[in-house]
Amino acid sequence: MRVAVEILTGTLFYIQVGDDATVADLKKEIEAQQKLPQDRLILFLDNKQNHLINEEGDGASLVDCGVRDGSHIYLFFDPLDTDEPSSHS
């Protein structure tokens, strides 16, 4: 299946994955194509419920998450850990 992925900056790109692909497979493809760290990716499916794809876990199949050929997915980033002391002191 082919899905459209949009980053908040407005960048739109397409990812091709198998019909039996998992959330982890999609994240790996995004990382390979866009050089974005897969462990920080948060994916939302653009449908009537604006479904958070990640809540089922990375092992869930995309189809079980509601993703279909031609689906539009919004990509967000998990912020970096900010517990470290600031170097701007």
N, C-alpha and C. Protein backbone atom coordinates (compact mmCIF):
# COMPACT_ATOMS: atom_id res chain seq x y z
N MET A 1 0.84 -1.18 0.00
CA MET A 1 0.00 0.00 0.00
C MET A 1 0.89 1.25 0.00
N ARG A 2 0.35 2.30 -0.52
CA ARG A 2 1.06 3.58 -0.59
C ARG A 2 0.31 4.58 0.28
N VAL A 3 1.03 5.21 1.21
CA VAL A 3 0.42 6.20 2.10
C VAL A 3 1.14 7.53 1.96
N ALA A 4 0.37 8.60 2.15
CA ALA A 4 0.94 9.95 2.15
C ALA A 4 1.26 10.31 3.59
N VAL A 5 2.45 10.85 3.81
CA VAL A 5 2.88 11.26 5.14
C VAL A 5 3.19 12.75 5.09
N GLU A 6 2.61 13.50 6.02
CA GLU A 6 2.81 14.95 6.04
C GLU A 6 3.40 15.37 7.38
N ILE A 7 4.49 16.13 7.29
CA ILE A 7 5.13 16.70 8.47
C ILE A 7 4.51 18.08 8.70
N LEU A 8 4.50 18.55 9.93
CA LEU A 8 3.86 19.84 10.24
C LEU A 8 4.45 21.02 9.47
N THR A 9 5.65 20.85 8.94
CA THR A 9 6.25 21.93 8.15
C THR A 9 5.57 22.03 6.78
N GLY A 10 4.70 21.07 6.46
CA GLY A 10 4.02 21.07 5.18
C GLY A 10 4.65 20.11 4.18
N THR A 11 5.77 19.51 4.55
CA THR A 11 6.43 18.55 3.67
C THR A 11 5.56 17.31 3.54
N LEU A 12 5.28 16.93 2.30
CA LEU A 12 4.47 15.75 2.02
C LEU A 12 5.29 14.77 1.21
N PHE A 13 5.30 13.52 1.64
CA PHE A 13 6.02 12.49 0.89
C PHE A 13 5.21 11.20 0.95
N TYR A 14 5.59 10.25 0.13
CA TYR A 14 4.85 9.00 0.03
C TYR A 14 5.73 7.83 0.44
N ILE A 15 5.12 6.88 1.13
CA ILE A 15 5.82 5.68 1.58
C ILE A 15 5.08 4.47 1.03
N GLN A 16 5.83 3.55 0.48
CA GLN A 16 5.25 2.30 -0.02
C GLN A 16 5.62 1.19 0.96
N VAL A 17 4.60 0.50 1.49
CA VAL A 17 4.82 -0.64 2.39
C VAL A 17 3.89 -1.77 1.97
N GLY A 18 4.20 -2.97 2.41
CA GLY A 18 3.35 -4.11 2.11
C GLY A 18 2.01 -4.02 2.82
N ASP A 19 1.02 -4.74 2.29
CA ASP A 19 -0.31 -4.74 2.90
C ASP A 19 -0.31 -5.33 4.30
N ASP A 20 0.71 -6.13 4.63
CA ASP A 20 0.80 -6.74 5.95
C ASP A 20 1.79 -5.99 6.86
N ALA A 21 2.17 -4.77 6.48
CA ALA A 21 3.17 -4.00 7.22
C ALA A 21 2.66 -3.61 8.60
N THR A 22 3.61 -3.46 9.52
CA THR A 22 3.30 -3.03 10.88
C THR A 22 3.65 -1.55 11.03
N VAL A 23 3.27 -1.00 12.17
CA VAL A 23 3.64 0.39 12.49
C VAL A 23 5.16 0.52 12.46
N ALA A 24 5.87 -0.47 13.00
CA ALA A 24 7.34 -0.44 13.02
C ALA A 24 7.89 -0.41 11.59
N ASP A 25 7.28 -1.19 10.68
CA ASP A 25 7.73 -1.19 9.28
C ASP A 25 7.59 0.20 8.66
N LEU A 26 6.47 0.85 8.91
CA LEU A 26 6.24 2.19 8.38
C LEU A 26 7.27 3.17 8.94
N LYS A 27 7.52 3.09 10.25
CA LYS A 27 8.50 3.99 10.87
C LYS A 27 9.90 3.77 10.29
N LYS A 28 10.25 2.51 10.03
CA LYS A 28 11.56 2.21 9.43
C LYS A 28 11.68 2.81 8.04
N GLU A 29 10.61 2.73 7.26
CA GLU A 29 10.62 3.31 5.92
C GLU A 29 10.73 4.83 5.98
N ILE A 30 10.03 5.45 6.92
CA ILE A 30 10.12 6.91 7.08
C ILE A 30 11.54 7.29 7.46
N GLU A 31 12.14 6.55 8.39
CA GLU A 31 13.51 6.84 8.82
C GLU A 31 14.47 6.71 7.63
N ALA A 32 14.33 5.65 6.84
CA ALA A 32 15.22 5.43 5.71
C ALA A 32 15.07 6.51 4.64
N GLN A 33 13.85 6.91 4.38
CA GLN A 33 13.60 7.87 3.30
C GLN A 33 13.87 9.32 3.73
N GLN A 34 13.52 9.67 4.95
CA GLN A 34 13.58 11.07 5.39
C GLN A 34 14.68 11.35 6.41
N LYS A 35 15.43 10.32 6.81
CA LYS A 35 16.52 10.46 7.80
C LYS A 35 16.00 11.03 9.12
N LEU A 36 14.83 10.53 9.55
CA LEU A 36 14.23 10.94 10.82
C LEU A 36 14.29 9.76 11.78
N PRO A 37 14.67 9.99 13.04
CA PRO A 37 14.81 8.89 13.99
C PRO A 37 13.47 8.23 14.31
N GLN A 38 13.34 6.95 13.99
CA GLN A 38 12.06 6.27 14.15
C GLN A 38 11.57 6.20 15.59
N ASP A 39 12.48 6.26 16.56
CA ASP A 39 12.06 6.17 17.96
C ASP A 39 11.38 7.46 18.45
N ARG A 40 11.41 8.51 17.65
CA ARG A 40 10.76 9.78 18.03
C ARG A 40 9.53 10.10 17.19
N LEU A 41 9.12 9.18 16.31
CA LEU A 41 8.01 9.44 15.42
C LEU A 41 6.67 9.16 16.10
N ILE A 42 5.75 10.10 15.95
CA ILE A 42 4.38 9.94 16.43
C ILE A 42 3.50 10.09 15.19
N LEU A 43 2.65 9.11 14.95
CA LEU A 43 1.86 9.07 13.72
C LEU A 43 0.37 9.18 14.02
N PHE A 44 -0.32 10.08 13.29
CA PHE A 44 -1.76 10.23 13.40
C PHE A 44 -2.38 9.95 12.05
N LEU A 45 -3.40 9.12 12.04
CA LEU A 45 -4.12 8.83 10.81
C LEU A 45 -5.19 9.88 10.61
N ASP A 46 -5.20 10.49 9.42
CA ASP A 46 -6.20 11.51 9.08
C ASP A 46 -7.48 10.80 8.64
N ASN A 47 -8.36 10.58 9.60
CA ASN A 47 -9.67 10.04 9.31
C ASN A 47 -10.67 10.75 10.22
N LYS A 48 -11.85 10.27 10.29
CA LYS A 48 -12.87 10.96 11.09
C LYS A 48 -12.51 11.06 12.57
N GLN A 49 -11.74 10.08 13.07
CA GLN A 49 -11.37 10.10 14.48
C GLN A 49 -9.97 10.68 14.73
N ASN A 50 -9.22 11.03 13.67
CA ASN A 50 -7.82 11.46 13.82
C ASN A 50 -7.10 10.52 14.79
N HIS A 51 -7.05 9.29 14.40
CA HIS A 51 -6.57 8.17 15.22
C HIS A 51 -5.06 8.21 15.42
N LEU A 52 -4.62 8.11 16.68
CA LEU A 52 -3.21 7.98 17.01
C LEU A 52 -2.78 6.56 16.68
N ILE A 53 -1.92 6.40 15.70
CA ILE A 53 -1.52 5.08 15.24
C ILE A 53 -0.66 4.38 16.29
N ASN A 54 0.14 5.10 17.03
CA ASN A 54 1.09 4.50 17.95
C ASN A 54 0.47 3.83 19.17
N GLU A 55 -0.80 4.12 19.48
CA GLU A 55 -1.34 3.61 20.74
C GLU A 55 -1.47 2.09 20.77
N GLU A 56 -1.52 1.42 19.63
CA GLU A 56 -1.56 -0.04 19.61
C GLU A 56 -0.16 -0.65 19.74
N GLY A 57 0.85 0.15 19.61
CA GLY A 57 2.22 -0.34 19.67
C GLY A 57 2.79 -0.56 18.28
N ASP A 58 4.11 -0.59 18.20
CA ASP A 58 4.78 -0.69 16.91
C ASP A 58 4.57 -2.04 16.22
N GLY A 59 4.16 -3.06 16.97
CA GLY A 59 3.95 -4.38 16.37
C GLY A 59 2.59 -4.54 15.72
N ALA A 60 1.70 -3.57 15.92
CA ALA A 60 0.35 -3.65 15.35
C ALA A 60 0.42 -3.47 13.83
N SER A 61 -0.46 -4.18 13.13
CA SER A 61 -0.49 -4.02 11.67
C SER A 61 -1.14 -2.68 11.33
N LEU A 62 -0.70 -2.11 10.23
CA LEU A 62 -1.26 -0.83 9.80
C LEU A 62 -2.74 -0.97 9.48
N VAL A 63 -3.13 -2.10 8.88
CA VAL A 63 -4.53 -2.33 8.54
C VAL A 63 -5.38 -2.34 9.80
N ASP A 64 -4.90 -2.98 10.87
CA ASP A 64 -5.64 -3.00 12.14
C ASP A 64 -5.76 -1.61 12.76
N CYS A 65 -4.84 -0.73 12.40
CA CYS A 65 -4.87 0.66 12.89
C CYS A 65 -5.75 1.55 12.01
N GLY A 66 -6.32 0.98 10.95
CA GLY A 66 -7.21 1.75 10.08
C GLY A 66 -6.52 2.33 8.86
N VAL A 67 -5.24 2.03 8.67
CA VAL A 67 -4.50 2.56 7.52
C VAL A 67 -4.85 1.73 6.29
N ARG A 68 -5.13 2.42 5.19
CA ARG A 68 -5.46 1.79 3.92
C ARG A 68 -4.60 2.41 2.82
N ASP A 69 -4.60 1.79 1.68
CA ASP A 69 -3.90 2.36 0.53
C ASP A 69 -4.45 3.76 0.28
N GLY A 70 -3.57 4.74 0.19
CA GLY A 70 -3.99 6.12 -0.04
C GLY A 70 -4.25 6.91 1.23
N SER A 71 -4.09 6.29 2.40
CA SER A 71 -4.32 7.01 3.66
C SER A 71 -3.35 8.18 3.80
N HIS A 72 -3.77 9.19 4.56
CA HIS A 72 -2.96 10.37 4.84
C HIS A 72 -2.60 10.32 6.32
N ILE A 73 -1.30 10.36 6.59
CA ILE A 73 -0.80 10.27 7.96
C ILE A 73 -0.04 11.54 8.30
N TYR A 74 -0.32 12.09 9.47
CA TYR A 74 0.41 13.25 9.96
C TYR A 74 1.52 12.77 10.88
N LEU A 75 2.68 13.37 10.70
CA LEU A 75 3.88 12.97 11.44
C LEU A 75 4.27 14.05 12.43
N PHE A 76 4.36 13.66 13.69
CA PHE A 76 4.82 14.54 14.77
C PHE A 76 6.07 13.93 15.37
N PHE A 77 6.77 14.71 16.18
CA PHE A 77 7.99 14.23 16.83
C PHE A 77 7.85 14.27 18.33
N ASP A 78 8.29 13.19 18.98
CA ASP A 78 8.37 13.15 20.42
C ASP A 78 9.52 14.08 20.82
N PRO A 79 9.29 15.05 21.71
CA PRO A 79 10.37 15.97 22.07
C PRO A 79 11.54 15.24 22.74
N LEU A 80 12.69 15.83 22.59
CA LEU A 80 13.88 15.28 23.26
C LEU A 80 13.72 15.39 24.75
N ASP A 81 14.41 14.54 25.49
CA ASP A 81 14.37 14.57 26.94
C ASP A 81 14.89 15.91 27.43
N THR A 82 14.07 16.64 28.18
CA THR A 82 14.47 17.97 28.65
C THR A 82 14.82 17.96 30.13
N ASP A 83 15.05 16.78 30.70
CA ASP A 83 15.42 16.70 32.12
C ASP A 83 16.86 17.10 32.38
N GLU A 84 17.64 17.22 31.32
CA GLU A 84 19.05 17.58 31.49
C GLU A 84 19.16 19.07 31.84
N PRO A 85 20.13 19.43 32.67
CA PRO A 85 20.31 20.84 33.02
C PRO A 85 20.62 21.68 31.80
N SER A 86 20.09 22.86 31.77
CA SER A 86 20.31 23.77 30.63
C SER A 86 21.74 24.27 30.61
N SER A 87 22.30 24.37 29.42
CA SER A 87 23.67 24.88 29.29
C SER A 87 23.68 26.39 29.10
N HIS A 88 22.50 27.02 29.24
CA HIS A 88 22.40 28.47 29.05
C HIS A 88 22.50 29.22 30.36
N SER A 89 23.12 28.63 31.37
CA SER A 89 23.19 29.27 32.70
C SER A 89 24.18 30.39 32.71
